[in-house]
PDB file of N, CA and C in Angstrom:
ATOM      1  N   MET A   1       0.893  -0.830  -0.079  1.00  0.00           N
ATOM      2  CA  MET A   1      -0.016   0.006  -0.157  1.00  0.00           C
ATOM      3  C   MET A   1       0.753   1.394  -0.212  1.00  0.00           C
ATOM      4  N   LYS A   2       2.287   1.303   0.732  1.00  0.00           N
ATOM      5  CA  LYS A   2       2.873   2.295   0.895  1.00  0.00           C
ATOM      6  C   LYS A   2       3.453   2.746  -0.756  1.00  0.00           C
ATOM      7  N   LYS A   3       3.779   1.550  -1.390  1.00  0.00           N
ATOM      8  CA  LYS A   3       4.610   1.820  -2.470  1.00  0.00           C
ATOM      9  C   LYS A   3       3.644   2.316  -3.604  1.00  0.00           C
ATOM     10  N   PHE A   4       2.155   2.169  -3.534  1.00  0.00           N
ATOM     11  CA  PHE A   4       1.555   2.667  -4.511  1.00  0.00           C
ATOM     12  C   PHE A   4       0.980   4.110  -4.089  1.00  0.00           C
ATOM     13  N   ALA A   5       0.945   4.691  -2.943  1.00  0.00           N
ATOM     14  CA  ALA A   5       1.062   5.930  -2.609  1.00  0.00           C
ATOM     15  C   ALA A   5       2.435   6.655  -2.973  1.00  0.00           C
ATOM     16  N   ILE A   6       3.333   6.043  -2.993  1.00  0.00           N
ATOM     17  CA  ILE A   6       4.751   6.521  -3.500  1.00  0.00           C
ATOM     18  C   ILE A   6       4.420   6.961  -4.667  1.00  0.00           C
ATOM     19  N   VAL A   7       4.165   5.912  -5.685  1.00  0.00           N
ATOM     20  CA  VAL A   7       3.864   5.995  -7.068  1.00  0.00           C
ATOM     21  C   VAL A   7       2.668   7.061  -7.595  1.00  0.00           C
ATOM     22  N   LEU A   8       1.758   6.887  -6.948  1.00  0.00           N
ATOM     23  CA  LEU A   8       1.139   7.913  -7.024  1.00  0.00           C
ATOM     24  C   LEU A   8       1.253   9.308  -6.872  1.00  0.00           C
ATOM     25  N   ALA A   9       1.906   9.537  -5.800  1.00  0.00           N
ATOM     26  CA  ALA A   9       2.558  10.884  -5.256  1.00  0.00           C
ATOM     27  C   ALA A   9       3.344  11.275  -6.745  1.00  0.00           C
ATOM     28  N   ALA A  10       4.137  10.519  -7.167  1.00  0.00           N
ATOM     29  CA  ALA A  10       5.587  10.620  -8.310  1.00  0.00           C
ATOM     30  C   ALA A  10       4.325  11.053  -9.340  1.00  0.00           C
ATOM     31  N   ALA A  11       3.427  10.227  -9.647  1.00  0.00           N
ATOM     32  CA  ALA A  11       2.445  10.497 -11.034  1.00  0.00           C
ATOM     33  C   ALA A  11       1.971  11.706 -10.993  1.00  0.00           C
ATOM     34  N   LEU A  12       1.030  12.137 -10.077  1.00  0.00           N
ATOM     35  CA  LEU A  12       0.527  13.552  -9.820  1.00  0.00           C
ATOM     36  C   LEU A  12       1.681  14.399  -9.487  1.00  0.00           C
ATOM     37  N   LEU A  13       2.839  14.255  -9.048  1.00  0.00           N
ATOM     38  CA  LEU A  13       3.256  15.623  -9.120  1.00  0.00           C
ATOM     39  C   LEU A  13       4.088  15.631 -10.698  1.00  0.00           C
ATOM     40  N   SER A  14       4.344  14.524 -11.256  1.00  0.00           N
ATOM     41  CA  SER A  14       4.840  14.438 -12.759  1.00  0.00           C
ATOM     42  C   SER A  14       3.694  15.465 -13.625  1.00  0.00           C
ATOM     43  N   LEU A  15       2.646  15.260 -13.502  1.00  0.00           N
ATOM     44  CA  LEU A  15       1.616  15.870 -14.082  1.00  0.00           C
ATOM     45  C   LEU A  15       1.280  17.163 -13.866  1.00  0.00           C
ATOM     46  N   GLY A  16       1.569  17.564 -12.520  1.00  0.00           N
ATOM     47  CA  GLY A  16       1.702  19.314 -12.066  1.00  0.00           C
ATOM     48  C   GLY A  16       2.759  19.994 -12.543  1.00  0.00           C
ATOM     49  N   LEU A  17       4.086  18.996 -13.148  1.00  0.00           N
ATOM     50  CA  LEU A  17       5.505  19.768 -13.416  1.00  0.00           C
ATOM     51  C   LEU A  17       5.485  20.145 -14.786  1.00  0.00           C
ATOM     52  N   ALA A  18       4.755  18.892 -15.581  1.00  0.00           N
ATOM     53  CA  ALA A  18       4.611  18.932 -17.005  1.00  0.00           C
ATOM     54  C   ALA A  18       4.324  20.362 -17.835  1.00  0.00           C
ATOM     55  N   PRO A  19       3.270  21.394 -17.124  1.00  0.00           N
ATOM     56  CA  PRO A  19       3.034  22.253 -18.054  1.00  0.00           C
ATOM     57  C   PRO A  19       4.478  23.544 -17.967  1.00  0.00           C
ATOM     58  N   ALA A  20       4.651  23.265 -16.157  1.00  0.00           N
ATOM     59  CA  ALA A  20       5.780  24.401 -16.258  1.00  0.00           C
ATOM     60  C   ALA A  20       6.996  24.224 -16.685  1.00  0.00           C
ATOM     61  N   VAL A  21       7.214  22.772 -16.824  1.00  0.00           N
ATOM     62  CA  VAL A  21       8.515  22.470 -17.754  1.00  0.00           C
ATOM     63  C   VAL A  21       8.183  22.803 -19.351  1.00  0.00           C
ATOM     64  N   ALA A  22       7.189  22.477 -19.931  1.00  0.00           N
ATOM     65  CA  ALA A  22       6.829  22.989 -21.257  1.00  0.00           C
ATOM     66  C   ALA A  22       7.186  24.334 -21.330  1.00  0.00           C
ATOM     67  N   MET A  23       6.813  24.919 -20.440  1.00  0.00           N
ATOM     68  CA  MET A  23       6.699  26.566 -20.393  1.00  0.00           C
ATOM     69  C   MET A  23       7.801  27.418 -20.356  1.00  0.00           C
ATOM     70  N   ALA A  24       9.011  26.422 -19.560  1.00  0.00           N
ATOM     71  CA  ALA A  24      10.333  26.934 -19.228  1.00  0.00           C
ATOM     72  C   ALA A  24      10.977  26.829 -20.654  1.00  0.00           C
ATOM     73  N   GLN A  25      10.781  25.847 -21.184  1.00  0.00           N
ATOM     74  CA  GLN A  25      11.295  25.348 -22.671  1.00  0.00           C
ATOM     75  C   GLN A  25      11.207  26.413 -23.657  1.00  0.00           C
ATOM     76  N   GLY A  26      10.119  27.253 -23.228  1.00  0.00           N
ATOM     77  CA  GLY A  26       9.729  28.256 -24.360  1.00  0.00           C
ATOM     78  C   GLY A  26       8.552  27.928 -25.345  1.00  0.00           C
ATOM     79  N   THR A  27       7.868  26.653 -25.171  1.00  0.00           N
ATOM     80  CA  THR A  27       7.010  26.361 -26.139  1.00  0.00           C
ATOM     81  C   THR A  27       5.661  26.658 -25.531  1.00  0.00           C
ATOM     82  N   ALA A  28       5.201  27.984 -26.288  1.00  0.00           N
ATOM     83  CA  ALA A  28       4.171  28.517 -26.189  1.00  0.00           C
ATOM     84  C   ALA A  28       3.134  28.248 -27.049  1.00  0.00           C
ATOM     85  N   THR A  29       2.225  27.465 -26.389  1.00  0.00           N
ATOM     86  CA  THR A  29       0.923  26.860 -27.030  1.00  0.00           C
ATOM     87  C   THR A  29      -0.540  27.443 -26.762  1.00  0.00           C
ATOM     88  N   VAL A  30      -0.951  27.823 -27.931  1.00  0.00           N
ATOM     89  CA  VAL A  30      -2.545  28.453 -27.639  1.00  0.00           C
ATOM     90  C   VAL A  30      -3.587  27.213 -27.722  1.00  0.00           C
ATOM     91  N   GLU A  31      -4.349  27.674 -26.517  1.00  0.00           N
ATOM     92  CA  GLU A  31      -5.375  26.639 -25.930  1.00  0.00           C
ATOM     93  C   GLU A  31      -6.629  27.095 -26.445  1.00  0.00           C
ATOM     94  N   ALA A  32      -7.096  25.893 -27.781  1.00  0.00           N
ATOM     95  CA  ALA A  32      -8.625  26.446 -28.003  1.00  0.00           C
ATOM     96  C   ALA A  32      -9.623  25.985 -27.171  1.00  0.00           C
ATOM     97  N   LYS A  33     -10.881  26.493 -27.004  1.00  0.00           N
ATOM     98  CA  LYS A  33     -11.730  26.219 -26.134  1.00  0.00           C
ATOM     99  C   LYS A  33     -12.966  26.051 -26.939  1.00  0.00           C
ATOM    100  N   ARG A  34     -13.824  24.969 -26.317  1.00  0.00           N
ATOM    101  CA  ARG A  34     -15.175  24.668 -26.888  1.00  0.00           C
ATOM    102  C   ARG A  34     -15.839  25.984 -27.186  1.00  0.00           C
ATOM    103  N   GLY A  35     -16.356  26.487 -28.613  1.00  0.00           N
ATOM    104  CA  GLY A  35     -17.283  27.552 -28.645  1.00  0.00           C
ATOM    105  C   GLY A  35     -16.669  28.578 -29.282  1.00  0.00           C
ATOM    106  N   ASP A  36     -14.851  28.734 -29.474  1.00  0.00           N
ATOM    107  CA  ASP A  36     -14.438  29.478 -30.030  1.00  0.00           C
ATOM    108  C   ASP A  36     -14.460  29.571 -31.482  1.00  0.00           C
ATOM    109  N   MET A  37     -14.640  30.234 -32.356  1.00  0.00           N
ATOM    110  CA  MET A  37     -14.657  31.089 -33.583  1.00  0.00           C
ATOM    111  C   MET A  37     -13.279  30.401 -33.765  1.00  0.00           C
ATOM    112  N   LEU A  38     -12.894  29.759 -35.214  1.00  0.00           N
ATOM    113  CA  LEU A  38     -11.668  29.273 -35.659  1.00  0.00           C
ATOM    114  C   LEU A  38     -11.391  30.430 -37.137  1.00  0.00           C
ATOM    115  N   TYR A  39     -10.543  31.110 -37.362  1.00  0.00           N
ATOM    116  CA  TYR A  39     -10.429  31.796 -38.500  1.00  0.00           C
ATOM    117  C   TYR A  39      -9.108  31.255 -39.183  1.00  0.00           C
ATOM    118  N   ASN A  40      -8.995  31.056 -40.527  1.00  0.00           N
ATOM    119  CA  ASN A  40      -8.077  30.755 -41.462  1.00  0.00           C
ATOM    120  C   ASN A  40      -6.765  32.209 -41.434  1.00  0.00           C
ATOM    121  N   PRO A  41      -5.718  32.009 -42.140  1.00  0.00           N
ATOM    122  CA  PRO A  41      -5.010  32.975 -42.078  1.00  0.00           C
ATOM    123  C   PRO A  41      -5.544  34.149 -42.979  1.00  0.00           C
ATOM    124  N   ASP A  42      -6.540  33.983 -43.984  1.00  0.00           N
ATOM    125  CA  ASP A  42      -7.116  35.247 -44.791  1.00  0.00           C
ATOM    126  C   ASP A  42      -8.401  36.093 -43.708  1.00  0.00           C
ATOM    127  N   ASP A  43      -8.268  35.673 -42.817  1.00  0.00           N
ATOM    128  CA  ASP A  43      -9.429  35.721 -41.865  1.00  0.00           C
ATOM    129  C   ASP A  43     -10.447  35.657 -42.101  1.00  0.00           C
ATOM    130  N   LYS A  44     -10.854  34.170 -42.510  1.00  0.00           N
ATOM    131  CA  LYS A  44     -12.183  33.775 -43.232  1.00  0.00           C
ATOM    132  C   LYS A  44     -12.921  32.690 -42.070  1.00  0.00           C
ATOM    133  N   ARG A  45     -13.891  32.775 -41.485  1.00  0.00           N
ATOM    134  CA  ARG A  45     -14.351  31.806 -40.712  1.00  0.00           C
ATOM    135  C   ARG A  45     -13.997  30.169 -41.070  1.00  0.00           C
ATOM    136  N   VAL A  46     -13.404  29.371 -40.125  1.00  0.00           N
ATOM    137  CA  VAL A  46     -13.224  28.177 -40.799  1.00  0.00           C
ATOM    138  C   VAL A  46     -14.459  27.100 -39.996  1.00  0.00           C
ATOM    139  N   GLY A  47     -14.724  27.734 -38.725  1.00  0.00           N
ATOM    140  CA  GLY A  47     -16.126  27.096 -37.866  1.00  0.00           C
ATOM    141  C   GLY A  47     -15.678  26.985 -36.389  1.00  0.00           C
ATOM    142  N   ASN A  48     -16.624  26.528 -35.644  1.00  0.00           N
ATOM    143  CA  ASN A  48     -16.674  26.823 -34.224  1.00  0.00           C
ATOM    144  C   ASN A  48     -16.032  25.453 -33.756  1.00  0.00           C
ATOM    145  N   VAL A  49     -15.203  25.611 -32.823  1.00  0.00           N
ATOM    146  CA  VAL A  49     -14.524  24.526 -32.016  1.00  0.00           C
ATOM    147  C   VAL A  49     -15.652  23.686 -31.538  1.00  0.00           C
ATOM    148  N   TYR A  50     -15.730  22.883 -31.966  1.00  0.00           N
ATOM    149  CA  TYR A  50     -16.869  21.452 -31.262  1.00  0.00           C
ATOM    150  C   TYR A  50     -16.732  21.144 -29.855  1.00  0.00           C
ATOM    151  N   ARG A  51     -15.170  20.549 -29.873  1.00  0.00           N
ATOM    152  CA  ARG A  51     -14.638  20.225 -28.768  1.00  0.00           C
ATOM    153  C   ARG A  51     -13.005  20.198 -28.624  1.00  0.00           C
ATOM    154  N   VAL A  52     -12.649  19.935 -27.459  1.00  0.00           N
ATOM    155  CA  VAL A  52     -10.743  20.159 -27.848  1.00  0.00           C
ATOM    156  C   VAL A  52     -10.421  19.047 -27.368  1.00  0.00           C
ATOM    157  N   SER A  53      -9.468  17.828 -28.009  1.00  0.00           N
ATOM    158  CA  SER A  53      -8.971  16.953 -27.732  1.00  0.00           C
ATOM    159  C   SER A  53      -7.973  16.791 -26.242  1.00  0.00           C
ATOM    160  N   ILE A  54      -7.693  15.675 -25.946  1.00  0.00           N
ATOM    161  CA  ILE A  54      -6.650  15.841 -24.903  1.00  0.00           C
ATOM    162  C   ILE A  54      -5.341  15.873 -25.352  1.00  0.00           C
ATOM    163  N   GLU A  55      -5.116  15.767 -26.779  1.00  0.00           N
ATOM    164  CA  GLU A  55      -3.771  16.387 -27.370  1.00  0.00           C
ATOM    165  C   GLU A  55      -3.857  17.688 -27.866  1.00  0.00           C
ATOM    166  N   GLY A  56      -4.895  18.549 -27.442  1.00  0.00           N
ATOM    167  CA  GLY A  56      -4.995  19.811 -28.104  1.00  0.00           C
ATOM    168  C   GLY A  56      -5.663  20.276 -29.275  1.00  0.00           C
ATOM    169  N   ASP A  57      -6.052  19.173 -30.272  1.00  0.00           N
ATOM    170  CA  ASP A  57      -6.391  19.376 -31.276  1.00  0.00           C
ATOM    171  C   ASP A  57      -7.502  20.221 -31.263  1.00  0.00           C
ATOM    172  N   ALA A  58      -8.101  21.137 -32.044  1.00  0.00           N
ATOM    173  CA  ALA A  58      -9.062  21.698 -32.043  1.00  0.00           C
ATOM    174  C   ALA A  58     -10.272  20.894 -32.973  1.00  0.00           C
ATOM    175  N   GLN A  59     -11.472  20.317 -32.510  1.00  0.00           N
ATOM    176  CA  GLN A  59     -11.982  19.444 -33.671  1.00  0.00           C
ATOM    177  C   GLN A  59     -13.186  20.139 -33.385  1.00  0.00           C
ATOM    178  N   LEU A  60     -13.809  20.319 -34.978  1.00  0.00           N
ATOM    179  CA  LEU A  60     -14.695  20.595 -35.669  1.00  0.00           C
ATOM    180  C   LEU A  60     -15.467  19.981 -36.431  1.00  0.00           C
ATOM    181  N   ILE A  61     -16.991  20.246 -36.528  1.00  0.00           N
ATOM    182  CA  ILE A  61     -17.854  19.397 -37.591  1.00  0.00           C
ATOM    183  C   ILE A  61     -17.933  20.123 -38.739  1.00  0.00           C
ATOM    184  N   TYR A  62     -17.539  19.397 -39.825  1.00  0.00           N
ATOM    185  CA  TYR A  62     -17.770  19.747 -41.372  1.00  0.00           C
ATOM    186  C   TYR A  62     -18.549  18.841 -42.053  1.00  0.00           C
ATOM    187  N   ARG A  63     -19.508  19.136 -42.529  1.00  0.00           N
ATOM    188  CA  ARG A  63     -20.410  17.935 -43.484  1.00  0.00           C
ATOM    189  C   ARG A  63     -20.381  16.760 -42.494  1.00  0.00           C
ATOM    190  N   SER A  64     -20.941  16.718 -41.216  1.00  0.00           N
ATOM    191  CA  SER A  64     -21.207  15.570 -40.483  1.00  0.00           C
ATOM    192  C   SER A  64     -19.878  14.862 -40.282  1.00  0.00           C
ATOM    193  N   LYS A  65     -18.422  15.286 -40.160  1.00  0.00           N
ATOM    194  CA  LYS A  65     -17.387  14.717 -40.173  1.00  0.00           C
ATOM    195  C   LYS A  65     -16.455  15.629 -39.193  1.00  0.00           C
ATOM    196  N   MET A  66     -16.159  14.926 -38.244  1.00  0.00           N
ATOM    197  CA  MET A  66     -15.032  15.852 -37.138  1.00  0.00           C
ATOM    198  C   MET A  66     -13.886  16.078 -37.923  1.00  0.00           C
ATOM    199  N   ILE A  67     -13.443  16.950 -37.813  1.00  0.00           N
ATOM    200  CA  ILE A  67     -11.756  17.533 -38.440  1.00  0.00           C
ATOM    201  C   ILE A  67     -11.444  18.035 -37.253  1.00  0.00           C
ATOM    202  N   ALA A  68     -10.331  17.448 -37.225  1.00  0.00           N
ATOM    203  CA  ALA A  68      -8.762  18.090 -36.083  1.00  0.00           C
ATOM    204  C   ALA A  68      -7.771  18.856 -36.427  1.00  0.00           C
ATOM    205  N   VAL A  69      -7.884  19.768 -36.053  1.00  0.00           N
ATOM    206  CA  VAL A  69      -6.883  20.770 -36.181  1.00  0.00           C
ATOM    207  C   VAL A  69      -5.815  20.778 -35.194  1.00  0.00           C
ATOM    208  N   PRO A  70      -4.653  20.743 -35.549  1.00  0.00           N
ATOM    209  CA  PRO A  70      -3.414  20.559 -34.907  1.00  0.00           C
ATOM    210  C   PRO A  70      -3.279  22.110 -34.093  1.00  0.00           C
ATOM    211  N   PRO A  71      -2.959  21.387 -32.522  1.00  0.00           N
ATOM    212  CA  PRO A  71      -2.571  22.610 -31.980  1.00  0.00           C
ATOM    213  C   PRO A  71      -1.366  23.537 -32.429  1.00  0.00           C
ATOM    214  N   SER A  72      -0.219  22.810 -33.301  1.00  0.00           N
ATOM    215  CA  SER A  72       1.081  23.663 -33.436  1.00  0.00           C
ATOM    216  C   SER A  72       0.892  24.541 -34.455  1.00  0.00           C
ATOM    217  N   THR A  73      -0.609  24.658 -34.959  1.00  0.00           N
ATOM    218  CA  THR A  73      -1.124  25.241 -36.463  1.00  0.00           C
ATOM    219  C   THR A  73      -1.570  26.486 -35.718  1.00  0.00           C
ATOM    220  N   LEU A  74      -2.307  26.651 -34.240  1.00  0.00           N
ATOM    221  CA  LEU A  74      -2.863  27.296 -33.877  1.00  0.00           C
ATOM    222  C   LEU A  74      -2.350  28.788 -33.237  1.00  0.00           C
ATOM    223  N   SER A  75      -2.946  29.964 -33.430  1.00  0.00           N
ATOM    224  CA  SER A  75      -2.315  31.150 -32.305  1.00  0.00           C
ATOM    225  C   SER A  75      -3.484  31.881 -32.431  1.00  0.00           C
ATOM    226  N   LYS A  76      -3.452  33.036 -31.865  1.00  0.00           N
ATOM    227  CA  LYS A  76      -4.295  34.323 -31.171  1.00  0.00           C
ATOM    228  C   LYS A  76      -3.751  35.150 -32.011  1.00  0.00           C
ATOM    229  N   ASP A  77      -4.648  36.050 -32.877  1.00  0.00           N
ATOM    230  CA  ASP A  77      -4.320  36.996 -33.646  1.00  0.00           C
ATOM    231  C   ASP A  77      -5.153  38.226 -33.065  1.00  0.00           C
ATOM    232  N   GLY A  78      -5.013  38.798 -32.420  1.00  0.00           N
ATOM    233  CA  GLY A  78      -5.725  40.292 -32.300  1.00  0.00           C
ATOM    234  C   GLY A  78      -7.049  39.450 -31.070  1.00  0.00           C
ATOM    235  N   GLY A  79      -6.795  38.011 -30.470  1.00  0.00           N
ATOM    236  CA  GLY A  79      -7.800  37.664 -29.667  1.00  0.00           C
ATOM    237  C   GLY A  79      -8.422  36.519 -30.581  1.00  0.00           C
ATOM    238  N   LYS A  80      -8.319  36.411 -31.826  1.00  0.00           N
ATOM    239  CA  LYS A  80      -9.056  35.659 -32.423  1.00  0.00           C
ATOM    240  C   LYS A  80      -8.212  34.262 -32.538  1.00  0.00           C
ATOM    241  N   LEU A  81      -8.562  32.780 -32.299  1.00  0.00           N
ATOM    242  CA  LEU A  81      -8.187  32.026 -33.000  1.00  0.00           C
ATOM    243  C   LEU A  81      -8.032  31.400 -34.129  1.00  0.00           C
ATOM    244  N   THR A  82      -6.632  31.627 -34.532  1.00  0.00           N
ATOM    245  CA  THR A  82      -6.196  31.514 -35.824  1.00  0.00           C
ATOM    246  C   THR A  82      -5.364  29.912 -36.341  1.00  0.00           C
ATOM    247  N   THR A  83      -5.953  29.517 -37.435  1.00  0.00           N
ATOM    248  CA  THR A  83      -5.077  28.117 -38.023  1.00  0.00           C
ATOM    249  C   THR A  83      -3.861  28.943 -38.962  1.00  0.00           C
ATOM    250  N   SER A  84      -2.743  28.173 -39.225  1.00  0.00           N
ATOM    251  CA  SER A  84      -1.928  28.482 -40.210  1.00  0.00           C
ATOM    252  C   SER A  84      -2.275  27.975 -41.424  1.00  0.00           C
ATOM    253  N   LEU A  85      -3.502  26.985 -41.414  1.00  0.00           N
ATOM    254  CA  LEU A  85      -4.033  25.825 -42.428  1.00  0.00           C
ATOM    255  C   LEU A  85      -5.133  26.823 -43.283  1.00  0.00           C
ATOM    256  N   THR A  86      -5.014  26.844 -44.565  1.00  0.00           N
ATOM    257  CA  THR A  86      -5.840  27.474 -45.366  1.00  0.00           C
ATOM    258  C   THR A  86      -7.146  26.658 -45.127  1.00  0.00           C
ATOM    259  N   LEU A  87      -8.504  27.419 -45.655  1.00  0.00           N
ATOM    260  CA  LEU A  87      -9.821  26.705 -45.735  1.00  0.00           C
ATOM    261  C   LEU A  87      -9.683  25.233 -46.374  1.00  0.00           C
ATOM    262  N   ASP A  88      -9.267  25.277 -47.576  1.00  0.00           N
ATOM    263  CA  ASP A  88      -9.175  24.203 -48.298  1.00  0.00           C
ATOM    264  C   ASP A  88      -8.297  22.968 -47.422  1.00  0.00           C
ATOM    265  N   GLU A  89      -7.360  23.516 -47.086  1.00  0.00           N
ATOM    266  CA  GLU A  89      -6.684  22.218 -46.259  1.00  0.00           C
ATOM    267  C   GLU A  89      -7.287  21.581 -45.020  1.00  0.00           C
ATOM    268  N   VAL A  90      -8.144  22.353 -44.291  1.00  0.00           N
ATOM    269  CA  VAL A  90      -8.988  21.937 -43.411  1.00  0.00           C
ATOM    270  C   VAL A  90      -9.875  21.309 -43.613  1.00  0.00           C
ATOM    271  N   ARG A  91     -10.614  21.421 -44.784  1.00  0.00           N
ATOM    272  CA  ARG A  91     -11.908  21.095 -45.088  1.00  0.00           C
ATOM    273  C   ARG A  91     -11.486  19.581 -45.880  1.00  0.00           C
ATOM    274  N   LYS A  92     -10.246  19.703 -46.630  1.00  0.00           N
ATOM    275  CA  LYS A  92     -10.067  18.217 -47.249  1.00  0.00           C
ATOM    276  C   LYS A  92      -9.586  17.219 -46.047  1.00  0.00           C
ATOM    277  N   ALA A  93      -9.255  17.631 -44.883  1.00  0.00           N
ATOM    278  CA  ALA A  93      -8.879  16.556 -43.519  1.00  0.00           C
ATOM    279  C   ALA A  93     -10.409  15.989 -43.486  1.00  0.00           C
ATOM    280  N   ALA A  94     -11.357  16.491 -43.677  1.00  0.00           N
ATOM    281  CA  ALA A  94     -12.774  15.961 -43.532  1.00  0.00           C
ATOM    282  C   ALA A  94     -12.956  14.830 -44.036  1.00  0.00           C
TER     283      ALA A  94
END
């Protein structure tokens, strides 16, 4: 029982420190939120974020299909959630 508590404590500590380590390395990521409007580089609407996956993918529904937009393509531009992908690239993923 004592070993389990130690392993559990170590796991919880590592989860708590992971974001701090990522920020220390200078990897700034933008977090999408459900309901955010996603724009392309031409400032055209791509769609609403339906949900966000564990990996941070912004997931949209397009023509009854789920599209995952990778977090590495996301940025905030003037408060707007923007992807570096074009509208065609996003829609082809469907």
